[in-house]
């Protein structure tokens, strides 16, 4: 039997591939068959629990969204709004930002914050704009604390 213990990836080279082709093909066939069985079982589980066939979804995100809509989202109470191409482009620009790196990781009394790890916490505890947007063009008399949503602003700083 060909197994991971008998074929180590560091031993597979252009020089050894031809002389070991039979063993490599047996190993590959076994891997493909095993993966096929796993995928069939996953398909059965997803259909049993969620009535979703995994072959109908191209990504895990699409499958998760389908399951969420079927199981947890009440479309009558919270109708999902699909933004137009222009609205989507406007919202996406709000997520672009600078890139911050530490090139000399040395210092005293330093703290390290992984902002990406905060994403699930923020999604759970903070509000997120949703639904059809309301467009405004003048914020001169508005306080920042009273605004919520995606805002494009040109800020003038007095000298």
Foldseek 3Di string as FASTA:
>chain_A
DQDCVNDPPVPDDPVCCVVCVVSVVVHVVVVVVVVVVVLVVVQVVCCVVQVDGPVVDPDPVVVVVVSCCVPPDDCVVPPADDDDPVVVVLQVVQPDDDDDDDPDPDDPPDDDDDVVVCVVVCVVPDDADGDDDDDDDDCPPPDPVPDDYRDDDDDDDDD
